Amino acid sequence: MKSHKRLLFAVLALAVSLFAVSASSASAAVWKHSGVNLAKHVEIGLTGGEVFETGTSGMSCEVFATITTSGGSTGTIKKWEVKNCKAGFGELAGCEVSATEPKGLPWTLDVNATDLSVTNMRIRRTFKTGCKITELDKTVTMTMTPNALGAITSFEFVGSTTGFG
């Protein structure tokens, strides 16, 4: 069984002017700001929503995350906070999340030519009594795709894992 996770994040207004991800023609992709390799520490706040699914069940939640980088071809997700999960569908219909715990923070980001890859993104979710699914705890393979490489205003996170649930 394959599970999918979709998230859309808007980059906060300050962050929009701070960075862009791009690839130079002869070398690995790196963090850029105004076309120049980023050489200082930057922290970017993201806010958005997620829909996580397992089989024919799922739920939507709000997510607040923080990305940091000091340039080069890597960065981290140092904060991942989930709030306000709505009643789900399928086996999660009528369920309430009792806790969401990001495991192993910070998660590593690798800069690719057109997106970012998130390594070891693991989230443990538990649900209140009465829900058919009591816990979801898996590591997700995640890709962050910016809406534009030159002036990023949002990212879409798309991930999947086998055997989620």
C-alpha atoms as a PDB file:
ATOM      1  CA  MET A   1       0.000   0.000   0.000  1.00  0.00           C
ATOM      2  CA  LYS A   2       1.407   3.374  -0.956  1.00  0.00           C
ATOM      3  CA  SER A   3       0.618   6.528   0.960  1.00  0.00           C
ATOM      4  CA  HIS A   4       0.854  10.076  -0.297  1.00  0.00           C
ATOM      5  CA  LYS A   5       1.415  13.308   1.517  1.00  0.00           C
ATOM      6  CA  ARG A   6       0.785  16.684  -0.114  1.00  0.00           C
ATOM      7  CA  LEU A   7       1.603  20.002   1.420  1.00  0.00           C
ATOM      8  CA  LEU A   8       1.555  23.496   0.029  1.00  0.00           C
ATOM      9  CA  PHE A   9       3.527  26.168   1.839  1.00  0.00           C
ATOM     10  CA  ALA A  10       3.609  29.877   1.277  1.00  0.00           C
ATOM     11  CA  VAL A  11       7.001  31.365   1.981  1.00  0.00           C
ATOM     12  CA  LEU A  12       6.699  34.320   4.339  1.00  0.00           C
ATOM     13  CA  ALA A  13       7.121  37.710   2.665  1.00  0.00           C
ATOM     14  CA  LEU A  14      10.566  38.326   4.165  1.00  0.00           C
ATOM     15  CA  ALA A  15      11.833  34.995   2.920  1.00  0.00           C
ATOM     16  CA  VAL A  16      10.789  35.705  -0.651  1.00  0.00           C
ATOM     17  CA  SER A  17      13.449  38.388  -0.918  1.00  0.00           C
ATOM     18  CA  LEU A  18      16.136  36.324   0.806  1.00  0.00           C
ATOM     19  CA  PHE A  19      16.743  33.320  -1.410  1.00  0.00           C
ATOM     20  CA  ALA A  20      16.218  31.380  -4.561  1.00  0.00           C
ATOM     21  CA  VAL A  21      17.293  27.867  -5.466  1.00  0.00           C
ATOM     22  CA  SER A  22      18.996  27.466  -8.800  1.00  0.00           C
ATOM     23  CA  ALA A  23      21.551  25.354 -10.594  1.00  0.00           C
ATOM     24  CA  SER A  24      24.685  26.634 -12.220  1.00  0.00           C
ATOM     25  CA  SER A  25      25.365  24.989 -15.561  1.00  0.00           C
ATOM     26  CA  ALA A  26      28.638  23.294 -14.581  1.00  0.00           C
ATOM     27  CA  SER A  27      28.234  22.532 -10.880  1.00  0.00           C
ATOM     28  CA  ALA A  28      25.828  21.181  -8.281  1.00  0.00           C
ATOM     29  CA  ALA A  29      22.735  23.183  -7.373  1.00  0.00           C
ATOM     30  CA  VAL A  30      23.208  25.604  -4.481  1.00  0.00           C
ATOM     31  CA  TRP A  31      21.213  28.149  -2.480  1.00  0.00           C
ATOM     32  CA  LYS A  32      21.256  31.529  -4.247  1.00  0.00           C
ATOM     33  CA  HIS A  33      20.180  35.078  -3.422  1.00  0.00           C
ATOM     34  CA  SER A  34      19.923  37.547  -6.312  1.00  0.00           C
ATOM     35  CA  GLY A  35      21.973  35.186  -8.469  1.00  0.00           C
ATOM     36  CA  VAL A  36      24.881  34.984  -5.999  1.00  0.00           C
ATOM     37  CA  ASN A  37      25.743  31.923  -3.890  1.00  0.00           C
ATOM     38  CA  LEU A  38      24.305  32.391  -0.405  1.00  0.00           C
ATOM     39  CA  ALA A  39      27.066  32.655   2.212  1.00  0.00           C
ATOM     40  CA  LYS A  40      25.172  33.661   5.363  1.00  0.00           C
ATOM     41  CA  HIS A  41      22.782  31.888   7.703  1.00  0.00           C
ATOM     42  CA  VAL A  42      19.128  32.281   6.663  1.00  0.00           C
ATOM     43  CA  GLU A  43      16.004  31.087   8.453  1.00  0.00           C
ATOM     44  CA  ILE A  44      12.763  30.834   6.461  1.00  0.00           C
ATOM     45  CA  GLY A  45       9.332  30.418   8.038  1.00  0.00           C
ATOM     46  CA  LEU A  46       6.736  28.430   6.121  1.00  0.00           C
ATOM     47  CA  THR A  47       3.048  28.091   6.800  1.00  0.00           C
ATOM     48  CA  GLY A  48       0.593  25.935   4.910  1.00  0.00           C
ATOM     49  CA  GLY A  49      -1.587  22.888   4.904  1.00  0.00           C
ATOM     50  CA  GLU A  50      -1.127  19.179   4.474  1.00  0.00           C
ATOM     51  CA  VAL A  51      -3.309  16.291   3.453  1.00  0.00           C
ATOM     52  CA  PHE A  52      -1.938  12.924   4.501  1.00  0.00           C
ATOM     53  CA  GLU A  53      -3.431   9.726   3.169  1.00  0.00           C
ATOM     54  CA  THR A  54      -3.126   6.055   3.954  1.00  0.00           C
ATOM     55  CA  GLY A  55      -4.971   3.865   1.488  1.00  0.00           C
ATOM     56  CA  THR A  56      -8.455   5.361   1.196  1.00  0.00           C
ATOM     57  CA  SER A  57      -8.207   7.243   4.510  1.00  0.00           C
ATOM     58  CA  GLY A  58      -6.711  10.625   5.303  1.00  0.00           C
ATOM     59  CA  MET A  59      -6.922  13.956   7.059  1.00  0.00           C
ATOM     60  CA  SER A  60      -5.973  17.608   6.518  1.00  0.00           C
ATOM     61  CA  CYS A  61      -3.999  19.755   8.965  1.00  0.00           C
ATOM     62  CA  GLU A  62      -2.223  23.112   9.232  1.00  0.00           C
ATOM     63  CA  VAL A  63       1.590  23.018   9.311  1.00  0.00           C
ATOM     64  CA  PHE A  64       4.154  25.573  10.465  1.00  0.00           C
ATOM     65  CA  ALA A  65       7.765  24.807   9.512  1.00  0.00           C
ATOM     66  CA  THR A  66      11.167  26.480   9.612  1.00  0.00           C
ATOM     67  CA  ILE A  67      13.951  25.954   7.052  1.00  0.00           C
ATOM     68  CA  THR A  68      17.527  27.049   7.694  1.00  0.00           C
ATOM     69  CA  THR A  69      20.617  27.154   5.499  1.00  0.00           C
ATOM     70  CA  SER A  70      24.038  28.733   5.501  1.00  0.00           C
ATOM     71  CA  GLY A  71      24.472  28.274   1.767  1.00  0.00           C
ATOM     72  CA  GLY A  72      25.956  25.473  -0.246  1.00  0.00           C
ATOM     73  CA  SER A  73      23.805  22.598  -1.434  1.00  0.00           C
ATOM     74  CA  THR A  74      22.139  21.653   1.873  1.00  0.00           C
ATOM     75  CA  GLY A  75      19.825  23.032   4.518  1.00  0.00           C
ATOM     76  CA  THR A  76      17.555  21.711   7.253  1.00  0.00           C
ATOM     77  CA  ILE A  77      13.954  21.674   8.358  1.00  0.00           C
ATOM     78  CA  LYS A  78      14.438  22.491  12.032  1.00  0.00           C
ATOM     79  CA  LYS A  79      10.779  22.948  13.027  1.00  0.00           C
ATOM     80  CA  TRP A  80       7.618  21.072  11.992  1.00  0.00           C
ATOM     81  CA  GLU A  81       4.494  21.933  13.957  1.00  0.00           C
ATOM     82  CA  VAL A  82       1.086  20.475  13.072  1.00  0.00           C
ATOM     83  CA  LYS A  83      -2.157  22.088  14.288  1.00  0.00           C
ATOM     84  CA  ASN A  84      -5.868  22.095  13.638  1.00  0.00           C
ATOM     85  CA  CYS A  85      -6.328  18.719  11.973  1.00  0.00           C
ATOM     86  CA  LYS A  86      -9.821  18.426  10.526  1.00  0.00           C
ATOM     87  CA  ALA A  87     -12.060  15.374  10.687  1.00  0.00           C
ATOM     88  CA  GLY A  88     -10.716  12.847   8.241  1.00  0.00           C
ATOM     89  CA  PHE A  89     -12.164  10.561   5.636  1.00  0.00           C
ATOM     90  CA  GLY A  90     -12.251   6.786   5.243  1.00  0.00           C
ATOM     91  CA  GLU A  91     -11.096   4.992   8.418  1.00  0.00           C
ATOM     92  CA  LEU A  92     -10.071   8.393   9.828  1.00  0.00           C
ATOM     93  CA  ALA A  93     -13.614   9.822   9.479  1.00  0.00           C
ATOM     94  CA  GLY A  94     -14.638  11.285  12.826  1.00  0.00           C
ATOM     95  CA  CYS A  95     -11.149  10.784  14.265  1.00  0.00           C
ATOM     96  CA  GLU A  96      -9.179  13.378  16.188  1.00  0.00           C
ATOM     97  CA  VAL A  97      -5.407  13.654  16.352  1.00  0.00           C
ATOM     98  CA  SER A  98      -4.188  13.459  19.932  1.00  0.00           C
ATOM     99  CA  ALA A  99      -0.505  14.133  19.097  1.00  0.00           C
ATOM    100  CA  THR A 100       1.787  14.744  16.144  1.00  0.00           C
ATOM    101  CA  GLU A 101       5.488  14.331  16.774  1.00  0.00           C
ATOM    102  CA  PRO A 102       8.185  15.070  14.200  1.00  0.00           C
ATOM    103  CA  LYS A 103      10.992  12.570  14.809  1.00  0.00           C
ATOM    104  CA  GLY A 104      14.700  13.155  14.218  1.00  0.00           C
ATOM    105  CA  LEU A 105      14.630  16.913  13.629  1.00  0.00           C
ATOM    106  CA  PRO A 106      16.391  18.588  12.011  1.00  0.00           C
ATOM    107  CA  TRP A 107      15.668  16.901   8.680  1.00  0.00           C
ATOM    108  CA  THR A 108      18.244  17.385   5.921  1.00  0.00           C
ATOM    109  CA  LEU A 109      17.418  19.274   2.711  1.00  0.00           C
ATOM    110  CA  ASP A 110      19.474  18.683  -0.425  1.00  0.00           C
ATOM    111  CA  VAL A 111      19.327  21.286  -3.196  1.00  0.00           C
ATOM    112  CA  ASN A 112      18.681  19.778  -6.635  1.00  0.00           C
ATOM    113  CA  ALA A 113      18.442  21.560  -9.983  1.00  0.00           C
ATOM    114  CA  THR A 114      14.667  22.098  -9.756  1.00  0.00           C
ATOM    115  CA  ASP A 115      13.627  21.086  -6.228  1.00  0.00           C
ATOM    116  CA  LEU A 116      14.738  20.153  -2.710  1.00  0.00           C
ATOM    117  CA  SER A 117      14.863  16.593  -1.328  1.00  0.00           C
ATOM    118  CA  VAL A 118      14.031  16.004   2.323  1.00  0.00           C
ATOM    119  CA  THR A 119      15.904  13.148   3.996  1.00  0.00           C
ATOM    120  CA  ASN A 120      14.535  11.037   6.884  1.00  0.00           C
ATOM    121  CA  MET A 121      11.276  12.967   7.318  1.00  0.00           C
ATOM    122  CA  ARG A 122       9.531  10.956  10.025  1.00  0.00           C
ATOM    123  CA  ILE A 123       6.254  11.952  11.679  1.00  0.00           C
ATOM    124  CA  ARG A 124       4.439   9.991  14.381  1.00  0.00           C
ATOM    125  CA  ARG A 125       0.706  10.651  14.730  1.00  0.00           C
ATOM    126  CA  THR A 126      -1.556   9.218  17.391  1.00  0.00           C
ATOM    127  CA  PHE A 127      -5.343   9.380  17.390  1.00  0.00           C
ATOM    128  CA  LYS A 128      -7.870   9.613  20.217  1.00  0.00           C
ATOM    129  CA  THR A 129      -9.686   6.507  21.472  1.00  0.00           C
ATOM    130  CA  GLY A 130     -12.402   5.230  19.168  1.00  0.00           C
ATOM    131  CA  CYS A 131     -10.507   5.668  15.930  1.00  0.00           C
ATOM    132  CA  LYS A 132      -9.872   2.490  13.870  1.00  0.00           C
ATOM    133  CA  ILE A 133      -6.300   3.672  13.225  1.00  0.00           C
ATOM    134  CA  THR A 134      -4.539   4.391  16.513  1.00  0.00           C
ATOM    135  CA  GLU A 135      -1.102   5.418  15.230  1.00  0.00           C
ATOM    136  CA  LEU A 136       0.753   6.332  12.041  1.00  0.00           C
ATOM    137  CA  ASP A 137       4.556   6.397  12.337  1.00  0.00           C
ATOM    138  CA  LYS A 138       6.627   6.227   9.160  1.00  0.00           C
ATOM    139  CA  THR A 139       9.479   7.898   7.353  1.00  0.00           C
ATOM    140  CA  VAL A 140       8.383   9.744   4.226  1.00  0.00           C
ATOM    141  CA  THR A 141      10.353  10.355   1.015  1.00  0.00           C
ATOM    142  CA  MET A 142       9.642  14.041   0.367  1.00  0.00           C
ATOM    143  CA  THR A 143      10.374  16.514  -2.432  1.00  0.00           C
ATOM    144  CA  MET A 144       9.856  20.282  -2.106  1.00  0.00           C
ATOM    145  CA  THR A 145       9.135  21.925  -5.458  1.00  0.00           C
ATOM    146  CA  PRO A 146       9.211  25.750  -5.589  1.00  0.00           C
ATOM    147  CA  ASN A 147       6.674  27.603  -7.729  1.00  0.00           C
ATOM    148  CA  ALA A 148       9.549  29.426  -9.504  1.00  0.00           C
ATOM    149  CA  LEU A 149      13.314  29.093  -9.265  1.00  0.00           C
ATOM    150  CA  GLY A 150      14.136  32.800  -9.491  1.00  0.00           C
ATOM    151  CA  ALA A 151      11.645  34.276  -7.015  1.00  0.00           C
ATOM    152  CA  ILE A 152      10.147  31.590  -4.802  1.00  0.00           C
ATOM    153  CA  THR A 153       6.831  32.448  -3.158  1.00  0.00           C
ATOM    154  CA  SER A 154       5.646  28.919  -2.306  1.00  0.00           C
ATOM    155  CA  PHE A 155       6.668  25.262  -2.194  1.00  0.00           C
ATOM    156  CA  GLU A 156       4.657  22.124  -2.767  1.00  0.00           C
ATOM    157  CA  PHE A 157       5.791  19.172  -0.660  1.00  0.00           C
ATOM    158  CA  VAL A 158       4.935  15.803  -2.202  1.00  0.00           C
ATOM    159  CA  GLY A 159       5.936  12.603  -0.509  1.00  0.00           C
ATOM    160  CA  SER A 160       5.218   8.926  -0.361  1.00  0.00           C
ATOM    161  CA  THR A 161       6.014   5.873   1.671  1.00  0.00           C
ATOM    162  CA  THR A 162       5.172   2.195   1.396  1.00  0.00           C
ATOM    163  CA  GLY A 163       3.162   0.577   4.192  1.00  0.00           C
ATOM    164  CA  PHE A 164       2.105   3.781   5.921  1.00  0.00           C
ATOM    165  CA  GLY A 165      -0.154   2.894   8.810  1.00  0.00           C
END
